[in-house]
C-alpha atoms as a PDB file:
ATOM      1  CA  MET A   1     -83.001  -4.548-139.076  1.00  0.00           C
ATOM      2  CA  LYS A   2     -82.402  -8.166-138.264  1.00  0.00           C
ATOM      3  CA  ASN A   3     -79.194  -7.489-136.310  1.00  0.00           C
ATOM      4  CA  GLU A   4     -81.155  -4.705-134.344  1.00  0.00           C
ATOM      5  CA  ASN A   5     -83.658  -7.213-133.348  1.00  0.00           C
ATOM      6  CA  LYS A   6     -81.042  -9.633-132.254  1.00  0.00           C
ATOM      7  CA  LEU A   7     -79.282  -6.920-130.199  1.00  0.00           C
ATOM      8  CA  ILE A   8     -82.586  -6.089-128.503  1.00  0.00           C
ATOM      9  CA  ALA A   9     -83.595  -9.830-127.831  1.00  0.00           C
ATOM     10  CA  PHE A  10     -80.134 -10.436-126.433  1.00  0.00           C
ATOM     11  CA  GLY A  11     -80.403  -7.180-124.414  1.00  0.00           C
ATOM     12  CA  VAL A  12     -83.728  -8.288-122.817  1.00  0.00           C
ATOM     13  CA  GLY A  13     -82.396 -11.793-122.146  1.00  0.00           C
ATOM     14  CA  ALA A  14     -79.410 -10.390-120.469  1.00  0.00           C
ATOM     15  CA  LEU A  15     -81.690  -8.313-118.190  1.00  0.00           C
ATOM     16  CA  VAL A  16     -83.987 -11.121-117.462  1.00  0.00           C
ATOM     17  CA  LEU A  17     -80.894 -13.298-116.663  1.00  0.00           C
ATOM     18  CA  GLY A  18     -79.669 -10.349-114.440  1.00  0.00           C
ATOM     19  CA  LEU A  19     -82.984 -10.095-112.578  1.00  0.00           C
ATOM     20  CA  VAL A  20     -83.198 -13.909-112.095  1.00  0.00           C
ATOM     21  CA  GLY A  21     -79.626 -14.009-110.642  1.00  0.00           C
ATOM     22  CA  THR A  22     -80.424 -11.092-108.344  1.00  0.00           C
ATOM     23  CA  VAL A  23     -83.429 -12.745-107.134  1.00  0.00           C
ATOM     24  CA  THR A  24     -81.729 -16.118-106.609  1.00  0.00           C
ATOM     25  CA  ALA A  25     -78.932 -14.205-104.750  1.00  0.00           C
ATOM     26  CA  PHE A  26     -81.339 -12.875-102.539  1.00  0.00           C
ATOM     27  CA  LYS A  27     -82.941 -16.099-101.690  1.00  0.00           C
ATOM     28  CA  VAL A  28     -79.678 -17.915-100.971  1.00  0.00           C
ATOM     29  CA  LEU A  29     -78.066 -15.154 -98.917  1.00  0.00           C
ATOM     30  CA  GLU A  30     -79.316 -13.884 -95.591  1.00  0.00           C
ATOM     31  CA  LYS A  31     -78.027 -11.021 -93.556  1.00  0.00           C
ATOM     32  CA  ILE A  32     -77.901 -11.493 -89.790  1.00  0.00           C
ATOM     33  CA  ASP A  33     -78.085  -8.191 -87.961  1.00  0.00           C
ATOM     34  CA  ASN A  34     -75.845  -6.810 -85.310  1.00  0.00           C
ATOM     35  CA  GLY A  35     -76.767  -8.114 -82.030  1.00  0.00           C
ATOM     36  CA  TYR A  36     -78.682 -11.198 -83.251  1.00  0.00           C
ATOM     37  CA  VAL A  37     -78.032 -14.812 -84.359  1.00  0.00           C
ATOM     38  CA  GLY A  38     -80.183 -16.566 -86.890  1.00  0.00           C
ATOM     39  CA  VAL A  39     -81.398 -20.158 -86.858  1.00  0.00           C
ATOM     40  CA  ARG A  40     -81.858 -22.028 -90.114  1.00  0.00           C
ATOM     41  CA  TYR A  41     -84.724 -24.292 -91.083  1.00  0.00           C
ATOM     42  CA  SER A  42     -84.565 -26.713 -93.887  1.00  0.00           C
ATOM     43  CA  MET A  43     -87.645 -28.048 -95.652  1.00  0.00           C
ATOM     44  CA  ASN A  44     -85.656 -31.371 -95.921  1.00  0.00           C
ATOM     45  CA  GLY A  45     -83.672 -31.482 -92.869  1.00  0.00           C
ATOM     46  CA  GLY A  46     -85.611 -29.390 -90.072  1.00  0.00           C
ATOM     47  CA  VAL A  47     -83.837 -27.163 -87.603  1.00  0.00           C
ATOM     48  CA  ARG A  48     -80.009 -26.981 -88.174  1.00  0.00           C
ATOM     49  CA  ASP A  49     -78.342 -26.796 -84.768  1.00  0.00           C
ATOM     50  CA  GLU A  50     -75.450 -24.627 -85.825  1.00  0.00           C
ATOM     51  CA  VAL A  51     -76.834 -20.890 -85.512  1.00  0.00           C
ATOM     52  CA  LEU A  52     -75.618 -18.062 -87.860  1.00  0.00           C
ATOM     53  CA  THR A  53     -73.734 -15.169 -86.345  1.00  0.00           C
ATOM     54  CA  GLN A  54     -73.808 -11.416 -87.664  1.00  0.00           C
ATOM     55  CA  GLY A  55     -73.131 -10.912 -91.382  1.00  0.00           C
ATOM     56  CA  VAL A  56     -74.295 -12.078 -94.755  1.00  0.00           C
ATOM     57  CA  LYS A  57     -74.557 -15.758 -94.923  1.00  0.00           C
ATOM     58  CA  PHE A  58     -75.251 -18.309 -97.560  1.00  0.00           C
ATOM     59  CA  VAL A  59     -78.264 -20.197 -96.649  1.00  0.00           C
ATOM     60  CA  GLY A  60     -79.480 -21.736 -99.967  1.00  0.00           C
ATOM     61  CA  LEU A  61     -83.481 -22.155 -99.765  1.00  0.00           C
ATOM     62  CA  ASP A  62     -83.414 -22.449 -95.981  1.00  0.00           C
ATOM     63  CA  LYS A  63     -85.742 -20.228 -93.903  1.00  0.00           C
ATOM     64  CA  VAL A  64     -83.895 -18.058 -91.113  1.00  0.00           C
ATOM     65  CA  THR A  65     -85.269 -16.688 -88.132  1.00  0.00           C
ATOM     66  CA  GLN A  66     -83.303 -14.130 -85.800  1.00  0.00           C
ATOM     67  CA  TYR A  67     -83.203 -13.798 -82.118  1.00  0.00           C
ATOM     68  CA  PRO A  68     -81.599 -10.870 -80.210  1.00  0.00           C
ATOM     69  CA  ILE A  69     -78.331 -11.890 -78.099  1.00  0.00           C
ATOM     70  CA  ARG A  70     -78.139  -8.298 -76.760  1.00  0.00           C
ATOM     71  CA  LEU A  71     -80.266  -6.571 -74.224  1.00  0.00           C
ATOM     72  CA  GLN A  72     -83.664  -5.846 -75.458  1.00  0.00           C
ATOM     73  CA  THR A  73     -85.974  -3.518 -73.212  1.00  0.00           C
ATOM     74  CA  VAL A  74     -89.682  -4.323 -73.162  1.00  0.00           C
ATOM     75  CA  THR A  75     -92.655  -2.435 -71.492  1.00  0.00           C
ATOM     76  CA  ALA A  76     -95.668  -4.253 -70.692  1.00  0.00           C
ATOM     77  CA  LYS A  77     -98.506  -1.692 -70.238  1.00  0.00           C
ATOM     78  CA  ASN A  78    -101.506  -2.138 -67.615  1.00  0.00           C
ATOM     79  CA  VAL A  79    -100.549  -5.584 -66.204  1.00  0.00           C
ATOM     80  CA  SER A  80    -103.347  -6.541 -63.836  1.00  0.00           C
ATOM     81  CA  VAL A  81    -102.631  -7.511 -60.348  1.00  0.00           C
ATOM     82  CA  SER A  82    -104.319  -8.065 -56.966  1.00  0.00           C
ATOM     83  CA  THR A  83    -102.735  -7.143 -53.623  1.00  0.00           C
ATOM     84  CA  SER A  84    -102.863  -9.036 -50.353  1.00  0.00           C
ATOM     85  CA  ASP A  85    -105.509  -6.420 -49.052  1.00  0.00           C
ATOM     86  CA  GLY A  86    -108.084  -7.172 -52.032  1.00  0.00           C
ATOM     87  CA  LYS A  87    -107.027  -4.280 -53.954  1.00  0.00           C
ATOM     88  CA  LYS A  88    -107.169  -4.690 -57.811  1.00  0.00           C
ATOM     89  CA  THR A  89    -104.818  -2.390 -59.734  1.00  0.00           C
ATOM     90  CA  THR A  90    -102.650  -2.128 -62.783  1.00  0.00           C
ATOM     91  CA  VAL A  91     -99.085  -1.360 -63.124  1.00  0.00           C
ATOM     92  CA  ASP A  92     -96.559  -0.839 -65.989  1.00  0.00           C
ATOM     93  CA  ILE A  93     -93.808  -3.231 -65.906  1.00  0.00           C
ATOM     94  CA  LYS A  94     -90.478  -2.747 -67.819  1.00  0.00           C
ATOM     95  CA  TYR A  95     -87.914  -5.480 -68.096  1.00  0.00           C
ATOM     96  CA  ASP A  96     -84.601  -6.005 -70.064  1.00  0.00           C
ATOM     97  CA  TYR A  97     -83.973  -9.497 -71.636  1.00  0.00           C
ATOM     98  CA  LYS A  98     -81.783 -11.231 -74.413  1.00  0.00           C
ATOM     99  CA  VAL A  99     -81.506 -14.738 -75.816  1.00  0.00           C
ATOM    100  CA  ASP A 100     -78.874 -17.383 -75.031  1.00  0.00           C
ATOM    101  CA  ALA A 101     -77.183 -17.962 -78.136  1.00  0.00           C
ATOM    102  CA  THR A 102     -76.567 -21.599 -77.473  1.00  0.00           C
ATOM    103  CA  LYS A 103     -80.255 -22.227 -76.834  1.00  0.00           C
ATOM    104  CA  ALA A 104     -81.506 -20.333 -80.002  1.00  0.00           C
ATOM    105  CA  SER A 105     -82.037 -23.625 -81.877  1.00  0.00           C
ATOM    106  CA  LYS A 106     -83.978 -25.100 -79.047  1.00  0.00           C
ATOM    107  CA  MET A 107     -86.076 -22.221 -78.720  1.00  0.00           C
ATOM    108  CA  TYR A 108     -86.908 -22.370 -82.468  1.00  0.00           C
ATOM    109  CA  LYS A 109     -88.246 -25.867 -81.962  1.00  0.00           C
ATOM    110  CA  GLU A 110     -90.224 -24.686 -79.086  1.00  0.00           C
ATOM    111  CA  PHE A 111     -91.892 -21.682 -80.490  1.00  0.00           C
ATOM    112  CA  GLY A 112     -91.679 -22.240 -84.404  1.00  0.00           C
ATOM    113  CA  ASN A 113     -91.120 -19.855 -87.146  1.00  0.00           C
ATOM    114  CA  ILE A 114     -92.357 -16.612 -85.230  1.00  0.00           C
ATOM    115  CA  THR A 115     -90.152 -13.571 -84.342  1.00  0.00           C
ATOM    116  CA  SER A 116     -88.916 -12.394 -80.828  1.00  0.00           C
ATOM    117  CA  GLU A 117     -91.248  -9.528 -81.089  1.00  0.00           C
ATOM    118  CA  ASP A 118     -94.205 -12.202 -81.233  1.00  0.00           C
ATOM    119  CA  ILE A 119     -92.860 -14.105 -78.310  1.00  0.00           C
ATOM    120  CA  GLU A 120     -92.562 -10.758 -76.346  1.00  0.00           C
ATOM    121  CA  LYS A 121     -96.211 -10.117 -76.756  1.00  0.00           C
ATOM    122  CA  GLY A 122     -97.287 -13.549 -76.416  1.00  0.00           C
ATOM    123  CA  TRP A 123     -95.401 -16.314 -74.223  1.00  0.00           C
ATOM    124  CA  LEU A 124     -93.082 -13.571 -72.433  1.00  0.00           C
ATOM    125  CA  LYS A 125     -95.994 -11.254 -71.393  1.00  0.00           C
ATOM    126  CA  SER A 126     -98.124 -14.377 -70.127  1.00  0.00           C
ATOM    127  CA  LYS A 127     -95.069 -15.504 -67.869  1.00  0.00           C
ATOM    128  CA  LEU A 128     -94.671 -11.732 -66.684  1.00  0.00           C
ATOM    129  CA  GLN A 129     -98.230 -11.471 -65.833  1.00  0.00           C
ATOM    130  CA  LYS A 130     -98.336 -14.765 -63.995  1.00  0.00           C
ATOM    131  CA  GLU A 131     -95.318 -13.925 -61.833  1.00  0.00           C
ATOM    132  CA  ALA A 132     -96.283 -10.367 -61.278  1.00  0.00           C
ATOM    133  CA  ARG A 133     -99.771 -11.456 -59.705  1.00  0.00           C
ATOM    134  CA  GLU A 134     -97.778 -14.027 -57.548  1.00  0.00           C
ATOM    135  CA  VAL A 135     -95.558 -11.296 -56.159  1.00  0.00           C
ATOM    136  CA  TYR A 136     -97.945  -8.725 -55.678  1.00  0.00           C
ATOM    137  CA  SER A 137    -100.595 -11.157 -53.922  1.00  0.00           C
ATOM    138  CA  LYS A 138     -98.068 -11.072 -51.026  1.00  0.00           C
ATOM    139  CA  GLN A 139     -98.115  -7.368 -50.477  1.00  0.00           C
ATOM    140  CA  SER A 140    -100.710  -4.718 -49.436  1.00  0.00           C
ATOM    141  CA  LEU A 141    -101.076  -1.955 -51.875  1.00  0.00           C
ATOM    142  CA  LEU A 142    -100.338   0.494 -49.033  1.00  0.00           C
ATOM    143  CA  ASN A 143     -97.234  -0.981 -48.282  1.00  0.00           C
ATOM    144  CA  ILE A 144     -96.013  -1.060 -51.861  1.00  0.00           C
ATOM    145  CA  LEU A 145     -96.788   2.724 -52.224  1.00  0.00           C
ATOM    146  CA  SER A 146     -95.122   3.372 -48.829  1.00  0.00           C
ATOM    147  CA  GLY A 147     -91.855   1.862 -49.863  1.00  0.00           C
ATOM    148  CA  GLU A 148     -91.879  -1.830 -50.650  1.00  0.00           C
ATOM    149  CA  SER A 149     -91.796  -1.294 -54.383  1.00  0.00           C
ATOM    150  CA  THR A 150     -87.955  -2.133 -54.464  1.00  0.00           C
ATOM    151  CA  ASN A 151     -88.766  -5.442 -52.820  1.00  0.00           C
ATOM    152  CA  VAL A 152     -91.342  -6.044 -55.132  1.00  0.00           C
ATOM    153  CA  GLU A 153     -89.066  -5.557 -58.149  1.00  0.00           C
ATOM    154  CA  ALA A 154     -86.203  -7.844 -56.726  1.00  0.00           C
ATOM    155  CA  ALA A 155     -88.950 -10.656 -56.181  1.00  0.00           C
ATOM    156  CA  LEU A 156     -90.255 -10.074 -59.519  1.00  0.00           C
ATOM    157  CA  LEU A 157     -86.896 -10.046 -61.257  1.00  0.00           C
ATOM    158  CA  ASN A 158     -85.977 -13.321 -59.527  1.00  0.00           C
ATOM    159  CA  ASN A 159     -89.239 -15.138 -60.279  1.00  0.00           C
ATOM    160  CA  PHE A 160     -89.442 -14.045 -63.603  1.00  0.00           C
ATOM    161  CA  SER A 161     -85.999 -14.764 -64.692  1.00  0.00           C
ATOM    162  CA  LYS A 162     -86.355 -18.459 -63.258  1.00  0.00           C
ATOM    163  CA  ALA A 163     -89.639 -18.941 -65.059  1.00  0.00           C
ATOM    164  CA  VAL A 164     -88.096 -18.077 -68.474  1.00  0.00           C
ATOM    165  CA  ALA A 165     -84.534 -19.313 -68.335  1.00  0.00           C
ATOM    166  CA  ALA A 166     -85.306 -22.743 -69.375  1.00  0.00           C
ATOM    167  CA  LYS A 167     -86.537 -21.557 -72.760  1.00  0.00           C
ATOM    168  CA  GLY A 168     -83.230 -19.703 -73.461  1.00  0.00           C
ATOM    169  CA  PHE A 169     -84.364 -16.146 -72.153  1.00  0.00           C
ATOM    170  CA  GLU A 170     -82.113 -14.190 -70.099  1.00  0.00           C
ATOM    171  CA  VAL A 171     -83.848 -11.446 -67.801  1.00  0.00           C
ATOM    172  CA  GLU A 172     -81.322  -8.807 -66.401  1.00  0.00           C
ATOM    173  CA  ASP A 173     -83.469  -6.098 -64.924  1.00  0.00           C
ATOM    174  CA  VAL A 174     -86.991  -5.426 -63.931  1.00  0.00           C
ATOM    175  CA  THR A 175     -88.759  -2.306 -63.103  1.00  0.00           C
ATOM    176  CA  VAL A 176     -92.166  -1.628 -61.893  1.00  0.00           C
ATOM    177  CA  GLY A 177     -94.098   1.566 -62.186  1.00  0.00           C
ATOM    178  CA  VAL A 178     -96.596   3.118 -59.718  1.00  0.00           C
ATOM    179  CA  PRO A 179     -99.870   0.969 -59.365  1.00  0.00           C
ATOM    180  CA  GLU A 180    -103.182   2.796 -59.754  1.00  0.00           C
ATOM    181  CA  VAL A 181    -104.972   3.615 -56.705  1.00  0.00           C
ATOM    182  CA  ASP A 182    -108.611   4.282 -55.534  1.00  0.00           C
ATOM    183  CA  GLY A 183    -109.993   7.104 -53.770  1.00  0.00           C
ATOM    184  CA  GLU A 184    -109.796   5.376 -50.146  1.00  0.00           C
ATOM    185  CA  THR A 185    -106.323   4.218 -50.700  1.00  0.00           C
ATOM    186  CA  GLN A 186    -105.305   7.748 -51.802  1.00  0.00           C
ATOM    187  CA  LYS A 187    -106.771   9.206 -48.518  1.00  0.00           C
ATOM    188  CA  SER A 188    -104.646   6.692 -46.467  1.00  0.00           C
ATOM    189  CA  ILE A 189    -101.507   7.591 -48.475  1.00  0.00           C
ATOM    190  CA  ASP A 190    -102.088  11.316 -47.900  1.00  0.00           C
ATOM    191  CA  ALA A 191    -102.755  10.833 -44.304  1.00  0.00           C
ATOM    192  CA  ILE A 192     -99.266   8.959 -44.049  1.00  0.00           C
ATOM    193  CA  ILE A 193     -97.501  11.656 -45.919  1.00  0.00           C
ATOM    194  CA  ARG A 194     -98.933  14.414 -43.648  1.00  0.00           C
ATOM    195  CA  ALA A 195     -97.903  12.369 -40.367  1.00  0.00           C
ATOM    196  CA  GLY A 196     -94.440  11.957 -41.812  1.00  0.00           C
ATOM    197  CA  GLN A 197     -94.180  15.644 -42.620  1.00  0.00           C
ATOM    198  CA  GLU A 198     -95.580  16.455 -39.303  1.00  0.00           C
ATOM    199  CA  ASN A 199     -93.192  14.091 -37.626  1.00  0.00           C
ATOM    200  CA  GLU A 200     -90.284  15.248 -39.535  1.00  0.00           C
ATOM    201  CA  LYS A 201     -91.128  18.956 -38.728  1.00  0.00           C
ATOM    202  CA  ALA A 202     -91.170  17.873 -34.886  1.00  0.00           C
ATOM    203  CA  LYS A 203     -87.876  16.360 -35.211  1.00  0.00           C
ATOM    204  CA  LEU A 204     -86.457  19.460 -36.996  1.00  0.00           C
ATOM    205  CA  ASP A 205     -88.097  21.687 -34.298  1.00  0.00           C
ATOM    206  CA  ALA A 206     -86.527  19.464 -31.352  1.00  0.00           C
ATOM    207  CA  GLU A 207     -83.075  19.499 -33.166  1.00  0.00           C
ATOM    208  CA  THR A 208     -83.261  23.332 -33.615  1.00  0.00           C
ATOM    209  CA  ALA A 209     -84.091  23.930 -30.014  1.00  0.00           C
ATOM    210  CA  LYS A 210     -81.293  21.565 -28.994  1.00  0.00           C
ATOM    211  CA  THR A 211     -78.725  23.250 -31.118  1.00  0.00           C
ATOM    212  CA  GLN A 212     -79.729  26.652 -29.490  1.00  0.00           C
ATOM    213  CA  ALA A 213     -79.491  25.316 -26.110  1.00  0.00           C
ATOM    214  CA  ASP A 214     -76.023  23.915 -26.872  1.00  0.00           C
ATOM    215  CA  SER A 215     -74.811  26.822 -28.445  1.00  0.00           C
ATOM    216  CA  GLU A 216     -76.066  29.034 -25.323  1.00  0.00           C
ATOM    217  CA  ALA A 217     -74.346  26.686 -22.999  1.00  0.00           C
ATOM    218  CA  TYR A 218     -71.320  26.796 -25.214  1.00  0.00           C
ATOM    219  CA  LYS A 219     -71.042  30.670 -25.013  1.00  0.00           C
ATOM    220  CA  LYS A 220     -71.584  30.464 -21.148  1.00  0.00           C
ATOM    221  CA  THR A 221     -68.714  28.070 -20.865  1.00  0.00           C
ATOM    222  CA  LYS A 222     -66.467  29.923 -23.123  1.00  0.00           C
ATOM    223  CA  ALA A 223     -67.126  33.063 -21.250  1.00  0.00           C
ATOM    224  CA  ALA A 224     -66.452  31.401 -17.801  1.00  0.00           C
ATOM    225  CA  GLU A 225     -63.157  29.883 -19.141  1.00  0.00           C
ATOM    226  CA  ALA A 226     -62.180  33.365 -20.506  1.00  0.00           C
ATOM    227  CA  GLU A 227     -62.733  34.978 -17.042  1.00  0.00           C
ATOM    228  CA  ALA A 228     -60.828  32.269 -15.183  1.00  0.00           C
ATOM    229  CA  ASN A 229     -57.860  32.520 -17.671  1.00  0.00           C
ATOM    230  CA  SER A 230     -57.879  36.321 -17.144  1.00  0.00           C
ATOM    231  CA  ASN A 231     -58.096  35.959 -13.353  1.00  0.00           C
ATOM    232  CA  LYS A 232     -55.194  33.359 -13.591  1.00  0.00           C
ATOM    233  CA  LYS A 233     -53.024  35.669 -15.538  1.00  0.00           C
ATOM    234  CA  VAL A 234     -53.870  38.809 -13.337  1.00  0.00           C
ATOM    235  CA  SER A 235     -52.945  36.364 -10.210  1.00  0.00           C
ATOM    236  CA  GLU A 236     -49.812  35.426 -11.861  1.00  0.00           C
ATOM    237  CA  SER A 237     -48.779  38.802 -12.877  1.00  0.00           C
ATOM    238  CA  VAL A 238     -49.224  40.088  -9.080  1.00  0.00           C
ATOM    239  CA  THR A 239     -45.496  39.564  -7.840  1.00  0.00           C
ATOM    240  CA  ASP A 240     -43.898  40.756  -4.528  1.00  0.00           C
ATOM    241  CA  GLU A 241     -41.791  43.255  -6.508  1.00  0.00           C
ATOM    242  CA  LEU A 242     -44.892  44.626  -8.199  1.00  0.00           C
ATOM    243  CA  ILE A 243     -46.730  45.003  -4.851  1.00  0.00           C
ATOM    244  CA  LYS A 244     -43.705  46.822  -3.276  1.00  0.00           C
ATOM    245  CA  TYR A 245     -43.616  49.219  -6.280  1.00  0.00           C
ATOM    246  CA  THR A 246     -47.216  49.713  -6.420  1.00  0.00           C
ATOM    247  CA  GLU A 247     -47.019  50.523  -2.518  1.00  0.00           C
ATOM    248  CA  ALA A 248     -44.207  52.993  -3.066  1.00  0.00           C
ATOM    249  CA  GLN A 249     -45.805  54.770  -5.889  1.00  0.00           C
ATOM    250  CA  ALA A 250     -49.062  55.242  -3.715  1.00  0.00           C
ATOM    251  CA  ARG A 251     -47.104  56.445  -0.909  1.00  0.00           C
ATOM    252  CA  LEU A 252     -45.625  59.039  -3.047  1.00  0.00           C
ATOM    253  CA  LYS A 253     -48.834  60.063  -4.838  1.00  0.00           C
ATOM    254  CA  HIS A 254     -50.500  60.493  -1.262  1.00  0.00           C
ATOM    255  CA  GLY A 255     -47.485  62.681   0.243  1.00  0.00           C
ATOM    256  CA  TRP A 256     -45.960  60.212   2.675  1.00  0.00           C
ATOM    257  CA  VAL A 257     -43.118  57.816   2.826  1.00  0.00           C
ATOM    258  CA  THR A 258     -42.092  55.197   5.534  1.00  0.00           C
ATOM    259  CA  THR A 259     -38.485  55.503   6.861  1.00  0.00           C
ATOM    260  CA  ASN A 260     -37.027  52.491   8.571  1.00  0.00           C
ATOM    261  CA  GLY A 261     -34.652  53.446  11.568  1.00  0.00           C
ATOM    262  CA  ALA A 262     -32.898  51.229  13.831  1.00  0.00           C
ATOM    263  CA  ASN A 263     -35.995  49.892  15.696  1.00  0.00           C
ATOM    264  CA  THR A 264     -38.455  52.573  14.870  1.00  0.00           C
ATOM    265  CA  VAL A 265     -40.817  53.140  11.820  1.00  0.00           C
ATOM    266  CA  VAL A 266     -41.322  56.966  11.238  1.00  0.00           C
ATOM    267  CA  LYS A 267     -44.198  58.294   8.777  1.00  0.00           C
ATOM    268  CA  GLU A 268     -43.587  61.475   7.368  1.00  0.00           C
ATOM    269  CA  GLY A 269     -45.882  63.733   5.472  1.00  0.00           C
ATOM    270  CA  LYS A 270     -45.381  66.391   3.052  1.00  0.00           C
END
């Protein structure tokens, strides 16, 4: 009985030691995800400048915050902007960004122990809103809806990427959605669309009429050329020998011939 108790106690002790070892291993090891780098923070030494790359790393009791170094796509919904013509509207903006690995430690010092998702929802969104308002304030809503959206995207990409680059963020692409419009603006847009459609129809009708006229002129020219060629061929085929032969055939058909004497031409009939 005493031996059994000893075995049980030994087993429980081994289990406890195993659990402690497992927990300790989890505390001293950190798995850095693919496409991320990790920044270590020590309670004694602060932020360590050397970043951790992908894989399982020994970190002791240090805390680790991971930042993405591959492109992340973020969509900011209903960003409020005002255009140069005083129109207030909202627009969805999508952008792609990643973190410069060489600035990850500096980023931790700037933002502290918060995730990249928290930065996206906070600081990055705030910067995006500021730059979007600046860009949209230089364009009328009608111009944006009539074809200036590409210029807006280019300007926003340039401004936004510059605004966040110093903190270690690299923005590579920006896409803006269609702004919300009021009824008055929508009427103006519809009028522009109708005018454009009518203009295109007029151009198409003019081109069709021109094509038809060109086709008729071409047909007449080709007919004239064909007739001229035919006349030329006929003219070239009429030789002196053909004329004499045709004349002789006519004389025989109509029952008369011409006989040339010494100084006399005698016509005889049948």
